[in-house]
Amino acid sequence: MATSTKEKPIFDKRIFWDVHFDKIDYDAKAAFVIERVFERGDVQDIRNCRRYYGDDKIRDVLLNAKFLPFSRLYLASAVIDRPLEAFRCYTLRQLNPELFPY
């Protein structure tokens, strides 16, 4: 793969607060990294992610993600130019509505 010869992307450590940041395998755990960056990263983190993985890989991962917060779902939809209905996490959320808050 071409990504193995690339330099590691630079992400803010706060995105990966719950794992050993220096031990992240960016190629083997690509889906985890992409989902986490889109869930918690800022614009620069997302740019670095897109440079490293490419838009095709990011599109595949985000469309199949089990969860993204609504605000980040809209961002992901704009970045990869796909409607909300194309995202697995959007469909799952529609199938499992939350309890009515009262």
C-alpha atoms as a PDB file:
ATOM      1  CA  MET A   1       0.000   0.000   0.000  1.00  0.00           C
ATOM      2  CA  ALA A   2       1.134   3.522  -0.687  1.00  0.00           C
ATOM      3  CA  THR A   3       0.131   4.762   2.780  1.00  0.00           C
ATOM      4  CA  SER A   4       2.834   2.685   4.489  1.00  0.00           C
ATOM      5  CA  THR A   5       5.571   4.829   2.913  1.00  0.00           C
ATOM      6  CA  LYS A   6       3.890   8.104   3.830  1.00  0.00           C
ATOM      7  CA  GLU A   7       4.778  10.102   6.878  1.00  0.00           C
ATOM      8  CA  LYS A   8       2.421   9.656   9.821  1.00  0.00           C
ATOM      9  CA  PRO A   9      -0.306  12.282   9.962  1.00  0.00           C
ATOM     10  CA  ILE A  10      -0.115  14.845  12.740  1.00  0.00           C
ATOM     11  CA  PHE A  11      -3.152  14.784  15.004  1.00  0.00           C
ATOM     12  CA  ASP A  12      -3.877  16.477  18.302  1.00  0.00           C
ATOM     13  CA  LYS A  13      -3.334  14.004  21.141  1.00  0.00           C
ATOM     14  CA  ARG A  14      -6.662  14.945  22.732  1.00  0.00           C
ATOM     15  CA  ILE A  15      -8.473  13.044  19.959  1.00  0.00           C
ATOM     16  CA  PHE A  16      -6.926   9.780  21.154  1.00  0.00           C
ATOM     17  CA  TRP A  17      -7.056  10.426  24.876  1.00  0.00           C
ATOM     18  CA  ASP A  18      -7.990   6.838  25.731  1.00  0.00           C
ATOM     19  CA  VAL A  19      -5.288   4.948  23.798  1.00  0.00           C
ATOM     20  CA  HIS A  20      -1.481   4.968  23.690  1.00  0.00           C
ATOM     21  CA  PHE A  21      -1.011   7.740  21.154  1.00  0.00           C
ATOM     22  CA  ASP A  22       2.518   6.707  20.147  1.00  0.00           C
ATOM     23  CA  LYS A  23       1.465   3.102  19.485  1.00  0.00           C
ATOM     24  CA  ILE A  24      -1.385   3.794  17.052  1.00  0.00           C
ATOM     25  CA  ASP A  25      -1.021   1.791  13.835  1.00  0.00           C
ATOM     26  CA  TYR A  26      -2.473   4.222  11.307  1.00  0.00           C
ATOM     27  CA  ASP A  27      -2.797   1.601   8.575  1.00  0.00           C
ATOM     28  CA  ALA A  28      -4.105  -1.398  10.527  1.00  0.00           C
ATOM     29  CA  LYS A  29      -6.557   0.738  12.536  1.00  0.00           C
ATOM     30  CA  ALA A  30      -7.555   3.110   9.728  1.00  0.00           C
ATOM     31  CA  ALA A  31     -11.295   2.917  10.416  1.00  0.00           C
ATOM     32  CA  PHE A  32     -10.787   3.700  14.119  1.00  0.00           C
ATOM     33  CA  VAL A  33      -8.500   6.645  13.344  1.00  0.00           C
ATOM     34  CA  ILE A  34     -10.770   8.128  10.656  1.00  0.00           C
ATOM     35  CA  GLU A  35     -13.919   7.827  12.786  1.00  0.00           C
ATOM     36  CA  ARG A  36     -12.174   9.313  15.823  1.00  0.00           C
ATOM     37  CA  VAL A  37     -10.733  12.228  13.841  1.00  0.00           C
ATOM     38  CA  PHE A  38     -14.138  13.076  12.370  1.00  0.00           C
ATOM     39  CA  GLU A  39     -15.786  12.686  15.775  1.00  0.00           C
ATOM     40  CA  ARG A  40     -13.349  14.757  17.856  1.00  0.00           C
ATOM     41  CA  GLY A  41     -10.876  16.498  15.554  1.00  0.00           C
ATOM     42  CA  ASP A  42     -10.763  20.054  14.285  1.00  0.00           C
ATOM     43  CA  VAL A  43     -10.448  21.246  10.689  1.00  0.00           C
ATOM     44  CA  GLN A  44      -6.674  20.778  10.563  1.00  0.00           C
ATOM     45  CA  ASP A  45      -6.954  17.217  11.905  1.00  0.00           C
ATOM     46  CA  ILE A  46      -9.530  16.391   9.225  1.00  0.00           C
ATOM     47  CA  ARG A  47      -7.278  17.858   6.523  1.00  0.00           C
ATOM     48  CA  ASN A  48      -4.351  15.760   7.730  1.00  0.00           C
ATOM     49  CA  CYS A  49      -6.582  12.682   7.763  1.00  0.00           C
ATOM     50  CA  ARG A  50      -7.713  13.318   4.190  1.00  0.00           C
ATOM     51  CA  ARG A  51      -4.120  13.800   3.021  1.00  0.00           C
ATOM     52  CA  TYR A  52      -2.994  10.542   4.597  1.00  0.00           C
ATOM     53  CA  TYR A  53      -5.894   8.225   3.738  1.00  0.00           C
ATOM     54  CA  GLY A  54      -7.390   9.814   0.646  1.00  0.00           C
ATOM     55  CA  ASP A  55     -11.029  10.645   0.035  1.00  0.00           C
ATOM     56  CA  ASP A  56     -12.037   7.171  -1.196  1.00  0.00           C
ATOM     57  CA  LYS A  57     -10.913   5.441   2.007  1.00  0.00           C
ATOM     58  CA  ILE A  58     -12.475   8.141   4.176  1.00  0.00           C
ATOM     59  CA  ARG A  59     -15.757   7.923   2.267  1.00  0.00           C
ATOM     60  CA  ASP A  60     -15.912   4.133   2.735  1.00  0.00           C
ATOM     61  CA  VAL A  61     -15.181   4.325   6.455  1.00  0.00           C
ATOM     62  CA  LEU A  62     -17.579   7.180   7.223  1.00  0.00           C
ATOM     63  CA  LEU A  63     -20.463   5.710   5.244  1.00  0.00           C
ATOM     64  CA  ASN A  64     -20.114   2.467   7.233  1.00  0.00           C
ATOM     65  CA  ALA A  65     -19.448   3.972  10.679  1.00  0.00           C
ATOM     66  CA  LYS A  66     -21.802   2.793  13.423  1.00  0.00           C
ATOM     67  CA  PHE A  67     -21.827   6.146  15.213  1.00  0.00           C
ATOM     68  CA  LEU A  68     -21.104   9.809  14.595  1.00  0.00           C
ATOM     69  CA  PRO A  69     -22.613  12.679  16.605  1.00  0.00           C
ATOM     70  CA  PHE A  70     -25.245  14.602  14.625  1.00  0.00           C
ATOM     71  CA  SER A  71     -23.086  17.727  14.321  1.00  0.00           C
ATOM     72  CA  ARG A  72     -20.215  15.659  12.946  1.00  0.00           C
ATOM     73  CA  LEU A  73     -22.531  13.685  10.695  1.00  0.00           C
ATOM     74  CA  TYR A  74     -23.467  16.903   8.916  1.00  0.00           C
ATOM     75  CA  LEU A  75     -19.771  17.800   8.609  1.00  0.00           C
ATOM     76  CA  ALA A  76     -18.916  14.368   7.212  1.00  0.00           C
ATOM     77  CA  SER A  77     -21.806  14.646   4.763  1.00  0.00           C
ATOM     78  CA  ALA A  78     -20.422  17.949   3.479  1.00  0.00           C
ATOM     79  CA  VAL A  79     -16.813  16.730   3.326  1.00  0.00           C
ATOM     80  CA  ILE A  80     -17.528  13.566   1.327  1.00  0.00           C
ATOM     81  CA  ASP A  81     -20.491  15.042  -0.553  1.00  0.00           C
ATOM     82  CA  ARG A  82     -23.038  12.365   0.327  1.00  0.00           C
ATOM     83  CA  PRO A  83     -26.589  12.757   1.699  1.00  0.00           C
ATOM     84  CA  LEU A  84     -27.262  11.914   5.342  1.00  0.00           C
ATOM     85  CA  GLU A  85     -29.384   8.951   4.285  1.00  0.00           C
ATOM     86  CA  ALA A  86     -26.296   7.268   2.773  1.00  0.00           C
ATOM     87  CA  PHE A  87     -24.633   6.970   6.201  1.00  0.00           C
ATOM     88  CA  ARG A  88     -25.081   3.751   8.134  1.00  0.00           C
ATOM     89  CA  CYS A  89     -25.097   5.607  11.470  1.00  0.00           C
ATOM     90  CA  TYR A  90     -27.930   7.861  10.260  1.00  0.00           C
ATOM     91  CA  THR A  91     -30.011   4.850   9.225  1.00  0.00           C
ATOM     92  CA  LEU A  92     -29.322   3.058  12.520  1.00  0.00           C
ATOM     93  CA  ARG A  93     -30.356   6.149  14.448  1.00  0.00           C
ATOM     94  CA  GLN A  94     -33.657   6.274  12.527  1.00  0.00           C
ATOM     95  CA  LEU A  95     -34.305   2.594  13.242  1.00  0.00           C
ATOM     96  CA  ASN A  96     -33.602   3.023  16.977  1.00  0.00           C
ATOM     97  CA  PRO A  97     -35.155   6.287  18.104  1.00  0.00           C
ATOM     98  CA  GLU A  98     -34.394   7.567  21.559  1.00  0.00           C
ATOM     99  CA  LEU A  99     -36.961   7.475  24.315  1.00  0.00           C
ATOM    100  CA  PHE A 100     -39.289  10.435  24.507  1.00  0.00           C
ATOM    101  CA  PRO A 101     -37.815  12.847  27.096  1.00  0.00           C
ATOM    102  CA  TYR A 102     -40.326  13.937  29.704  1.00  0.00           C
END
